[in-house]
Amino acid sequence: MRGHRFRIRDARLERHRRTRGRTGAPEADGSFHIQDVYLDRYTVNVPTQVPGYYLASIRLGDREVLGQEFDFPPGRPRLRVLFKVAAGRVKGTVENVDGATVVLLPREDALLTSQYIRSVRCDRQGHYEIDSFKPGDYKAVAFASADLGALEDPDFVRTFSGRATTARVDNGLTSAVDLKLLPWPE
């Protein structure tokens, strides 16, 4: 059975020193090429989110590099991005709050990137729903407002993670997680 095909908008190699990274756009066959890559340390960012799918793996040659920093080797190594179907979903309510921001953070510090941090605003009744999660354990929190960039810092996340609610995400299943509003850490 063949898998579903969809286009990845782009894939980006982020340089360790946060200086100019490199972006590659996809070809018609789904492959993409990233030009002028320097020997350096990188992470891979694939910002595409496809409903019902989750980013399962990023391999450089035969090595898994999902959520990892790595030395880009010389030559022309193949970078493979794999999405899987049947992603999980989380839904629930935030107690007595209209318009709160609900954030789900991966438990692993290495995955605290914009690629894996998911957020949504509640509706007027405090309901929220987020889908297309990679299976695993997450920290769920609700804030009146949030600086999503700050949530990529593991030390900052530790300031409130003890008050976060654990959310378990399983393939193709919906987890119900009700939350209380937390104050934004100062």
N, C-alpha and C. Protein backbone atom coordinates (compact mmCIF):
# COMPACT_ATOMS: atom_id res chain seq x y z
N MET A 1 0.84 -1.18 0.00
CA MET A 1 0.00 0.00 0.00
C MET A 1 0.88 1.24 0.00
N ARG A 2 0.65 2.16 -0.90
CA ARG A 2 1.42 3.40 -0.97
C ARG A 2 0.89 4.39 0.04
N GLY A 3 1.80 5.19 0.60
CA GLY A 3 1.40 6.23 1.53
C GLY A 3 0.83 7.43 0.80
N HIS A 4 0.21 8.29 1.55
CA HIS A 4 -0.33 9.54 1.00
C HIS A 4 0.82 10.46 0.67
N ARG A 5 0.66 11.29 -0.35
CA ARG A 5 1.70 12.24 -0.72
C ARG A 5 1.21 13.65 -0.43
N PHE A 6 2.06 14.45 0.12
CA PHE A 6 1.80 15.88 0.29
C PHE A 6 3.13 16.58 0.18
N ARG A 7 3.08 17.85 -0.07
CA ARG A 7 4.31 18.61 -0.29
C ARG A 7 4.77 19.26 1.00
N ILE A 8 6.04 19.12 1.29
CA ILE A 8 6.67 19.86 2.37
C ILE A 8 6.99 21.24 1.81
N ARG A 9 6.56 22.26 2.49
CA ARG A 9 6.79 23.63 2.02
C ARG A 9 8.27 23.94 1.94
N ASP A 10 9.01 23.59 2.97
CA ASP A 10 10.46 23.76 2.94
C ASP A 10 11.09 22.98 4.09
N ALA A 11 12.37 22.84 4.02
CA ALA A 11 13.15 22.25 5.11
C ALA A 11 14.32 23.20 5.32
N ARG A 12 14.65 23.45 6.56
CA ARG A 12 15.67 24.43 6.86
C ARG A 12 16.74 23.82 7.76
N LEU A 13 17.99 24.00 7.36
CA LEU A 13 19.12 23.64 8.22
C LEU A 13 19.44 24.88 9.04
N GLU A 14 19.29 24.78 10.35
CA GLU A 14 19.58 25.89 11.26
C GLU A 14 21.00 25.71 11.77
N ARG A 15 21.85 26.70 11.55
CA ARG A 15 23.23 26.62 12.01
C ARG A 15 23.30 26.78 13.52
N HIS A 16 24.21 26.07 14.11
CA HIS A 16 24.41 26.08 15.56
C HIS A 16 24.59 27.50 16.09
N ARG A 17 25.32 28.32 15.38
CA ARG A 17 25.60 29.68 15.85
C ARG A 17 24.46 30.64 15.52
N ARG A 18 23.36 30.11 14.99
CA ARG A 18 22.18 30.89 14.64
C ARG A 18 22.47 31.99 13.62
N THR A 19 23.57 31.83 12.90
CA THR A 19 23.80 32.73 11.78
C THR A 19 23.09 32.12 10.59
N ARG A 20 23.16 32.70 9.49
CA ARG A 20 22.39 32.28 8.32
C ARG A 20 22.29 30.78 8.17
N GLY A 21 21.07 30.29 8.23
CA GLY A 21 20.81 28.88 7.93
C GLY A 21 20.59 28.73 6.44
N ARG A 22 20.21 27.56 6.01
CA ARG A 22 19.96 27.28 4.59
C ARG A 22 18.60 26.62 4.45
N THR A 23 17.84 27.07 3.45
CA THR A 23 16.51 26.54 3.20
C THR A 23 16.49 25.88 1.83
N GLY A 24 15.79 24.76 1.75
CA GLY A 24 15.59 24.08 0.48
C GLY A 24 14.12 23.95 0.19
N ALA A 25 13.72 24.24 -1.04
CA ALA A 25 12.33 24.09 -1.47
C ALA A 25 12.18 22.77 -2.21
N PRO A 26 10.99 22.18 -2.16
CA PRO A 26 10.82 20.86 -2.78
C PRO A 26 10.75 20.91 -4.30
N GLU A 27 11.20 19.82 -4.90
CA GLU A 27 11.08 19.59 -6.34
C GLU A 27 9.71 18.95 -6.59
N ALA A 28 9.33 18.79 -7.84
CA ALA A 28 8.04 18.20 -8.19
C ALA A 28 7.89 16.78 -7.65
N ASP A 29 8.99 16.03 -7.53
CA ASP A 29 8.92 14.65 -7.05
C ASP A 29 8.95 14.54 -5.53
N GLY A 30 8.95 15.68 -4.82
CA GLY A 30 8.97 15.66 -3.37
C GLY A 30 10.36 15.76 -2.77
N SER A 31 11.39 15.59 -3.57
CA SER A 31 12.75 15.75 -3.06
C SER A 31 13.07 17.24 -2.97
N PHE A 32 14.06 17.57 -2.18
CA PHE A 32 14.48 18.96 -2.13
C PHE A 32 15.99 19.00 -1.98
N HIS A 33 16.56 20.11 -2.42
CA HIS A 33 17.99 20.29 -2.38
C HIS A 33 18.31 21.55 -1.61
N ILE A 34 19.30 21.47 -0.77
CA ILE A 34 19.76 22.63 0.00
C ILE A 34 21.17 22.92 -0.48
N GLN A 35 21.35 24.10 -1.05
CA GLN A 35 22.62 24.48 -1.67
C GLN A 35 23.55 25.17 -0.68
N ASP A 36 24.84 25.16 -0.97
CA ASP A 36 25.86 25.91 -0.25
C ASP A 36 25.83 25.68 1.26
N VAL A 37 25.84 24.42 1.67
CA VAL A 37 25.85 24.07 3.09
C VAL A 37 27.30 23.98 3.55
N TYR A 38 27.63 24.73 4.58
CA TYR A 38 28.98 24.75 5.13
C TYR A 38 29.14 23.63 6.15
N LEU A 39 30.36 23.15 6.32
CA LEU A 39 30.63 22.19 7.38
C LEU A 39 30.46 22.94 8.69
N ASP A 40 29.49 22.53 9.48
CA ASP A 40 29.16 23.21 10.73
C ASP A 40 28.20 22.31 11.49
N ARG A 41 27.75 22.77 12.65
CA ARG A 41 26.74 22.06 13.43
C ARG A 41 25.37 22.62 13.04
N TYR A 42 24.38 21.71 12.90
CA TYR A 42 23.05 22.10 12.45
C TYR A 42 21.97 21.36 13.22
N THR A 43 20.76 21.87 13.13
CA THR A 43 19.53 21.15 13.42
C THR A 43 18.67 21.30 12.17
N VAL A 44 17.68 20.44 12.01
CA VAL A 44 16.77 20.52 10.86
C VAL A 44 15.42 20.98 11.36
N ASN A 45 14.84 21.96 10.68
CA ASN A 45 13.52 22.46 10.99
C ASN A 45 12.63 22.24 9.77
N VAL A 46 11.55 21.51 9.96
CA VAL A 46 10.57 21.28 8.89
C VAL A 46 9.25 21.86 9.40
N PRO A 47 8.94 23.11 9.04
CA PRO A 47 7.79 23.79 9.64
C PRO A 47 6.43 23.30 9.14
N THR A 48 6.37 22.39 8.22
CA THR A 48 5.11 21.90 7.66
C THR A 48 4.33 21.12 8.71
N GLN A 49 3.05 21.45 8.86
CA GLN A 49 2.15 20.66 9.68
C GLN A 49 1.01 20.21 8.79
N VAL A 50 0.78 18.93 8.73
CA VAL A 50 -0.25 18.36 7.87
C VAL A 50 -1.29 17.70 8.77
N PRO A 51 -2.56 18.15 8.70
CA PRO A 51 -3.59 17.54 9.55
C PRO A 51 -3.62 16.02 9.41
N GLY A 52 -3.63 15.35 10.55
CA GLY A 52 -3.67 13.90 10.57
C GLY A 52 -2.32 13.21 10.48
N TYR A 53 -1.24 13.98 10.31
CA TYR A 53 0.11 13.43 10.20
C TYR A 53 1.01 14.07 11.25
N TYR A 54 2.09 13.40 11.55
CA TYR A 54 3.09 13.99 12.44
C TYR A 54 4.48 13.70 11.89
N LEU A 55 5.42 14.59 12.20
CA LEU A 55 6.80 14.40 11.80
C LEU A 55 7.39 13.30 12.67
N ALA A 56 7.72 12.17 12.04
CA ALA A 56 8.17 10.99 12.79
C ALA A 56 9.68 10.84 12.82
N SER A 57 10.37 11.28 11.76
CA SER A 57 11.79 11.02 11.68
C SER A 57 12.46 11.99 10.72
N ILE A 58 13.68 12.36 11.05
CA ILE A 58 14.56 13.07 10.13
C ILE A 58 15.89 12.33 10.19
N ARG A 59 16.30 11.80 9.05
CA ARG A 59 17.53 11.01 8.99
C ARG A 59 18.52 11.69 8.07
N LEU A 60 19.76 11.72 8.49
CA LEU A 60 20.86 12.20 7.68
C LEU A 60 21.70 10.97 7.39
N GLY A 61 21.63 10.48 6.14
CA GLY A 61 22.25 9.20 5.84
C GLY A 61 21.54 8.12 6.63
N ASP A 62 22.27 7.34 7.44
CA ASP A 62 21.64 6.31 8.26
C ASP A 62 21.47 6.72 9.72
N ARG A 63 21.66 8.00 10.03
CA ARG A 63 21.60 8.50 11.40
C ARG A 63 20.34 9.32 11.65
N GLU A 64 19.62 9.02 12.74
CA GLU A 64 18.46 9.79 13.15
C GLU A 64 18.92 11.12 13.73
N VAL A 65 18.38 12.25 13.22
CA VAL A 65 18.78 13.57 13.72
C VAL A 65 17.57 14.40 14.17
N LEU A 66 16.40 13.79 14.29
CA LEU A 66 15.21 14.48 14.76
C LEU A 66 15.46 15.09 16.13
N GLY A 67 15.34 16.40 16.24
CA GLY A 67 15.52 17.08 17.51
C GLY A 67 16.95 17.11 18.02
N GLN A 68 17.91 16.77 17.16
CA GLN A 68 19.31 16.72 17.59
C GLN A 68 20.15 17.72 16.82
N GLU A 69 21.19 18.17 17.46
CA GLU A 69 22.20 18.98 16.78
C GLU A 69 23.24 18.00 16.24
N PHE A 70 23.73 18.27 15.02
CA PHE A 70 24.68 17.33 14.42
C PHE A 70 25.69 18.09 13.57
N ASP A 71 26.85 17.45 13.37
CA ASP A 71 27.86 17.99 12.46
C ASP A 71 27.48 17.56 11.06
N PHE A 72 27.37 18.54 10.16
CA PHE A 72 27.04 18.21 8.78
C PHE A 72 28.28 17.66 8.12
N PRO A 73 28.22 16.44 7.60
CA PRO A 73 29.41 15.81 7.04
C PRO A 73 29.73 16.32 5.64
N PRO A 74 30.96 16.14 5.21
CA PRO A 74 31.31 16.52 3.83
C PRO A 74 30.61 15.60 2.83
N GLY A 75 30.60 16.02 1.60
CA GLY A 75 29.96 15.22 0.55
C GLY A 75 28.53 15.65 0.35
N ARG A 76 27.73 14.75 -0.13
CA ARG A 76 26.32 15.05 -0.41
C ARG A 76 25.42 14.06 0.32
N PRO A 77 25.38 14.11 1.65
CA PRO A 77 24.55 13.14 2.38
C PRO A 77 23.07 13.38 2.11
N ARG A 78 22.33 12.31 2.16
CA ARG A 78 20.89 12.38 1.91
C ARG A 78 20.17 12.68 3.22
N LEU A 79 19.27 13.65 3.17
CA LEU A 79 18.44 14.02 4.31
C LEU A 79 17.03 13.51 4.01
N ARG A 80 16.49 12.67 4.89
CA ARG A 80 15.17 12.09 4.65
C ARG A 80 14.22 12.52 5.76
N VAL A 81 13.08 13.07 5.36
CA VAL A 81 12.06 13.53 6.29
C VAL A 81 10.87 12.59 6.16
N LEU A 82 10.42 12.02 7.28
CA LEU A 82 9.34 11.05 7.25
C LEU A 82 8.18 11.52 8.14
N PHE A 83 7.00 11.62 7.54
CA PHE A 83 5.78 11.88 8.28
C PHE A 83 5.01 10.58 8.39
N LYS A 84 4.27 10.42 9.48
CA LYS A 84 3.42 9.23 9.64
C LYS A 84 1.98 9.67 9.85
N VAL A 85 1.07 8.78 9.45
CA VAL A 85 -0.36 9.05 9.58
C VAL A 85 -0.85 8.63 10.96
N ALA A 86 -2.05 9.05 11.31
CA ALA A 86 -2.72 8.69 12.56
C ALA A 86 -2.16 9.45 13.75
N ALA A 87 -1.87 10.70 13.54
CA ALA A 87 -1.38 11.53 14.63
C ALA A 87 -2.43 11.67 15.72
N GLY A 88 -1.97 11.98 16.92
CA GLY A 88 -2.87 12.16 18.04
C GLY A 88 -3.43 13.56 18.12
N ARG A 89 -4.39 13.74 19.02
CA ARG A 89 -5.08 15.01 19.19
C ARG A 89 -5.33 15.23 20.69
N VAL A 90 -5.34 16.49 21.08
CA VAL A 90 -5.64 16.85 22.46
C VAL A 90 -6.73 17.90 22.43
N LYS A 91 -7.74 17.73 23.28
CA LYS A 91 -8.79 18.74 23.40
C LYS A 91 -9.21 18.84 24.85
N GLY A 92 -9.86 19.95 25.18
CA GLY A 92 -10.31 20.14 26.54
C GLY A 92 -10.82 21.54 26.75
N THR A 93 -10.82 21.96 28.00
CA THR A 93 -11.28 23.30 28.36
C THR A 93 -10.28 23.93 29.32
N VAL A 94 -10.32 25.25 29.35
CA VAL A 94 -9.57 26.01 30.34
C VAL A 94 -10.62 26.63 31.25
N GLU A 95 -10.49 26.40 32.53
CA GLU A 95 -11.49 26.81 33.51
C GLU A 95 -11.70 28.32 33.52
N ASN A 96 -12.94 28.73 33.29
CA ASN A 96 -13.37 30.13 33.40
C ASN A 96 -12.52 31.12 32.62
N VAL A 97 -12.07 30.74 31.44
CA VAL A 97 -11.22 31.64 30.68
C VAL A 97 -11.67 31.69 29.23
N ASP A 98 -11.85 32.89 28.73
CA ASP A 98 -12.19 33.12 27.33
C ASP A 98 -10.94 33.61 26.63
N GLY A 99 -10.48 32.90 25.61
CA GLY A 99 -9.36 33.38 24.81
C GLY A 99 -7.97 33.08 25.35
N ALA A 100 -7.85 32.18 26.31
CA ALA A 100 -6.53 31.83 26.83
C ALA A 100 -5.72 31.14 25.74
N THR A 101 -4.40 31.16 25.87
CA THR A 101 -3.51 30.44 24.97
C THR A 101 -3.13 29.12 25.62
N VAL A 102 -3.47 28.02 24.98
CA VAL A 102 -3.10 26.68 25.46
C VAL A 102 -1.85 26.28 24.71
N VAL A 103 -0.86 25.78 25.45
CA VAL A 103 0.40 25.37 24.85
C VAL A 103 0.70 23.93 25.25
N LEU A 104 1.08 23.12 24.27
CA LEU A 104 1.57 21.77 24.55
C LEU A 104 3.04 21.72 24.19
N LEU A 105 3.84 21.31 25.16
CA LEU A 105 5.29 21.28 25.03
C LEU A 105 5.77 19.84 25.14
N PRO A 106 6.66 19.41 24.26
CA PRO A 106 7.22 18.07 24.41
C PRO A 106 8.00 17.96 25.72
N ARG A 107 8.01 16.81 26.32
CA ARG A 107 8.73 16.62 27.58
C ARG A 107 10.24 16.65 27.37
N GLU A 108 10.71 16.25 26.18
CA GLU A 108 12.14 16.21 25.91
C GLU A 108 12.64 17.62 25.59
N ASP A 109 13.66 18.07 26.31
CA ASP A 109 14.23 19.40 26.09
C ASP A 109 14.68 19.60 24.64
N ALA A 110 15.23 18.56 24.01
CA ALA A 110 15.74 18.68 22.65
C ALA A 110 14.63 19.01 21.64
N LEU A 111 13.38 18.71 21.98
CA LEU A 111 12.27 18.98 21.07
C LEU A 111 11.55 20.29 21.37
N LEU A 112 12.09 21.10 22.28
CA LEU A 112 11.49 22.40 22.57
C LEU A 112 11.87 23.40 21.49
N THR A 113 11.27 23.22 20.33
CA THR A 113 11.48 24.10 19.19
C THR A 113 10.12 24.46 18.62
N SER A 114 10.09 25.48 17.80
CA SER A 114 8.82 25.90 17.20
C SER A 114 8.18 24.77 16.40
N GLN A 115 8.96 23.84 15.97
CA GLN A 115 8.46 22.70 15.20
C GLN A 115 7.58 21.78 16.03
N TYR A 116 7.83 21.68 17.32
CA TYR A 116 7.11 20.74 18.17
C TYR A 116 6.25 21.39 19.24
N ILE A 117 6.47 22.66 19.53
CA ILE A 117 5.63 23.37 20.50
C ILE A 117 4.35 23.75 19.76
N ARG A 118 3.22 23.37 20.30
CA ARG A 118 1.94 23.64 19.65
C ARG A 118 1.10 24.52 20.56
N SER A 119 0.41 25.47 19.95
CA SER A 119 -0.44 26.36 20.74
C SER A 119 -1.72 26.67 19.97
N VAL A 120 -2.73 27.05 20.73
CA VAL A 120 -4.02 27.45 20.17
C VAL A 120 -4.73 28.33 21.19
N ARG A 121 -5.57 29.21 20.70
CA ARG A 121 -6.38 30.04 21.59
C ARG A 121 -7.72 29.35 21.83
N CYS A 122 -8.21 29.46 23.05
CA CYS A 122 -9.52 28.89 23.41
C CYS A 122 -10.64 29.70 22.77
N ASP A 123 -11.78 29.06 22.60
CA ASP A 123 -12.96 29.79 22.13
C ASP A 123 -13.61 30.50 23.33
N ARG A 124 -14.75 31.11 23.12
CA ARG A 124 -15.43 31.90 24.17
C ARG A 124 -15.83 31.07 25.38
N GLN A 125 -16.04 29.77 25.16
CA GLN A 125 -16.42 28.90 26.28
C GLN A 125 -15.20 28.24 26.93
N GLY A 126 -14.00 28.59 26.48
CA GLY A 126 -12.79 28.02 27.04
C GLY A 126 -12.39 26.68 26.43
N HIS A 127 -13.03 26.28 25.33
CA HIS A 127 -12.70 25.01 24.67
C HIS A 127 -11.52 25.19 23.72
N TYR A 128 -10.75 24.14 23.58
CA TYR A 128 -9.63 24.15 22.63
C TYR A 128 -9.47 22.75 22.05
N GLU A 129 -8.79 22.68 20.91
CA GLU A 129 -8.45 21.40 20.28
C GLU A 129 -7.21 21.60 19.43
N ILE A 130 -6.24 20.69 19.56
CA ILE A 130 -5.00 20.73 18.78
C ILE A 130 -4.77 19.32 18.24
N ASP A 131 -4.43 19.22 16.94
CA ASP A 131 -4.20 17.88 16.40
C ASP A 131 -2.83 17.78 15.74
N SER A 132 -2.58 16.61 15.17
CA SER A 132 -1.35 16.29 14.44
C SER A 132 -0.12 16.25 15.34
N PHE A 133 -0.24 15.57 16.47
CA PHE A 133 0.87 15.41 17.40
C PHE A 133 1.61 14.12 17.17
N LYS A 134 2.89 14.19 17.37
CA LYS A 134 3.71 12.99 17.44
C LYS A 134 3.35 12.28 18.75
N PRO A 135 3.15 10.96 18.74
CA PRO A 135 2.82 10.26 19.98
C PRO A 135 3.89 10.47 21.05
N GLY A 136 3.45 10.58 22.28
CA GLY A 136 4.36 10.75 23.39
C GLY A 136 3.73 11.54 24.52
N ASP A 137 4.55 11.93 25.48
CA ASP A 137 4.09 12.70 26.63
C ASP A 137 4.42 14.17 26.44
N TYR A 138 3.47 15.02 26.81
CA TYR A 138 3.61 16.46 26.68
C TYR A 138 3.26 17.15 27.99
N LYS A 139 3.68 18.40 28.12
CA LYS A 139 3.28 19.26 29.22
C LYS A 139 2.25 20.22 28.65
N ALA A 140 1.08 20.28 29.27
CA ALA A 140 0.01 21.16 28.81
C ALA A 140 -0.16 22.30 29.81
N VAL A 141 -0.20 23.52 29.30
CA VAL A 141 -0.38 24.70 30.15
C VAL A 141 -1.28 25.70 29.43
N ALA A 142 -1.90 26.58 30.22
CA ALA A 142 -2.73 27.66 29.67
C ALA A 142 -2.29 28.96 30.31
N PHE A 143 -2.10 29.97 29.48
CA PHE A 143 -1.73 31.31 29.92
C PHE A 143 -2.70 32.32 29.33
N ALA A 144 -2.86 33.46 29.98
CA ALA A 144 -3.69 34.52 29.41
C ALA A 144 -3.09 34.97 28.09
N SER A 145 -1.77 35.04 28.01
CA SER A 145 -1.05 35.27 26.76
C SER A 145 0.33 34.66 26.95
N ALA A 146 1.01 34.38 25.84
CA ALA A 146 2.29 33.68 25.93
C ALA A 146 3.25 34.18 24.86
N ASP A 147 4.53 34.24 25.22
CA ASP A 147 5.61 34.51 24.27
C ASP A 147 6.13 33.14 23.83
N LEU A 148 5.67 32.68 22.67
CA LEU A 148 6.01 31.32 22.24
C LEU A 148 7.50 31.13 22.03
N GLY A 149 8.22 32.17 21.65
CA GLY A 149 9.67 32.06 21.48
C GLY A 149 10.37 31.74 22.79
N ALA A 150 9.88 32.28 23.90
CA ALA A 150 10.48 32.01 25.21
C ALA A 150 10.35 30.55 25.60
N LEU A 151 9.34 29.86 25.05
CA LEU A 151 9.10 28.47 25.41
C LEU A 151 10.09 27.50 24.78
N GLU A 152 10.99 28.01 23.95
CA GLU A 152 12.05 27.16 23.38
C GLU A 152 13.25 27.05 24.32
N ASP A 153 13.23 27.77 25.42
CA ASP A 153 14.32 27.76 26.39
C ASP A 153 13.99 26.77 27.51
N PRO A 154 14.68 25.63 27.58
CA PRO A 154 14.38 24.62 28.61
C PRO A 154 14.45 25.17 30.03
N ASP A 155 15.37 26.09 30.32
CA ASP A 155 15.46 26.65 31.67
C ASP A 155 14.21 27.45 32.00
N PHE A 156 13.70 28.21 31.05
CA PHE A 156 12.47 28.98 31.26
C PHE A 156 11.29 28.04 31.48
N VAL A 157 11.19 26.99 30.69
CA VAL A 157 10.08 26.04 30.81
C VAL A 157 10.10 25.37 32.18
N ARG A 158 11.28 25.12 32.72
CA ARG A 158 11.37 24.49 34.05
C ARG A 158 10.78 25.37 35.15
N THR A 159 10.68 26.68 34.93
CA THR A 159 10.12 27.56 35.97
C THR A 159 8.64 27.30 36.22
N PHE A 160 7.94 26.70 35.27
CA PHE A 160 6.51 26.42 35.47
C PHE A 160 6.14 24.96 35.20
N SER A 161 7.06 24.14 34.74
CA SER A 161 6.70 22.78 34.33
C SER A 161 6.16 21.93 35.49
N GLY A 162 6.52 22.25 36.71
CA GLY A 162 5.98 21.51 37.85
C GLY A 162 4.49 21.72 38.02
N ARG A 163 3.95 22.80 37.46
CA ARG A 163 2.52 23.10 37.54
C ARG A 163 1.78 22.72 36.26
N ALA A 164 2.50 22.20 35.27
CA ALA A 164 1.88 21.79 34.00
C ALA A 164 1.13 20.48 34.19
N THR A 165 0.16 20.26 33.34
CA THR A 165 -0.61 19.02 33.33
C THR A 165 -0.01 18.08 32.29
N THR A 166 0.14 16.81 32.63
CA THR A 166 0.68 15.84 31.69
C THR A 166 -0.41 15.46 30.69
N ALA A 167 -0.03 15.45 29.43
CA ALA A 167 -0.94 15.03 28.36
C ALA A 167 -0.28 13.89 27.60
N ARG A 168 -0.93 12.75 27.53
CA ARG A 168 -0.42 11.59 26.79
C ARG A 168 -1.09 11.59 25.42
N VAL A 169 -0.29 11.55 24.37
CA VAL A 169 -0.81 11.53 23.01
C VAL A 169 -0.49 10.17 22.40
N ASP A 170 -1.53 9.51 21.89
CA ASP A 170 -1.38 8.21 21.25
C ASP A 170 -1.86 8.29 19.80
N ASN A 171 -1.32 7.43 18.95
CA ASN A 171 -1.68 7.41 17.52
C ASN A 171 -3.19 7.32 17.32
N GLY A 172 -3.73 8.26 16.56
CA GLY A 172 -5.12 8.20 16.16
C GLY A 172 -6.13 8.41 17.27
N LEU A 173 -5.69 8.73 18.47
CA LEU A 173 -6.61 8.90 19.60
C LEU A 173 -6.67 10.35 20.04
N THR A 174 -7.76 10.69 20.72
CA THR A 174 -7.93 12.04 21.27
C THR A 174 -7.82 11.96 22.78
N SER A 175 -6.95 12.78 23.35
CA SER A 175 -6.80 12.87 24.81
C SER A 175 -7.56 14.09 25.30
N ALA A 176 -8.28 13.93 26.39
CA ALA A 176 -9.01 15.05 27.00
C ALA A 176 -8.16 15.61 28.14
N VAL A 177 -7.84 16.89 28.05
CA VAL A 177 -7.01 17.53 29.08
C VAL A 177 -7.64 18.88 29.44
N ASP A 178 -8.17 18.96 30.66
CA ASP A 178 -8.73 20.21 31.16
C ASP A 178 -7.67 20.93 31.97
N LEU A 179 -7.62 22.25 31.83
CA LEU A 179 -6.53 23.06 32.41
C LEU A 179 -7.05 24.22 33.23
N LYS A 180 -6.20 24.71 34.11
CA LYS A 180 -6.43 25.96 34.84
C LYS A 180 -5.39 26.95 34.36
N LEU A 181 -5.76 28.20 34.35
CA LEU A 181 -4.88 29.26 33.89
C LEU A 181 -3.69 29.41 34.82
N LEU A 182 -2.48 29.47 34.26
CA LEU A 182 -1.26 29.75 35.04
C LEU A 182 -0.82 31.18 34.75
N PRO A 183 -0.22 31.83 35.74
CA PRO A 183 0.36 33.15 35.45
C PRO A 183 1.62 32.97 34.61
N TRP A 184 1.85 33.92 33.69
CA TRP A 184 3.06 33.87 32.88
C TRP A 184 4.25 34.12 33.78
N PRO A 185 5.29 33.26 33.75
CA PRO A 185 6.46 33.45 34.63
C PRO A 185 7.18 34.76 34.33
N GLU A 186 7.57 35.42 35.37
CA GLU A 186 8.31 36.70 35.22
C GLU A 186 9.78 36.46 35.39
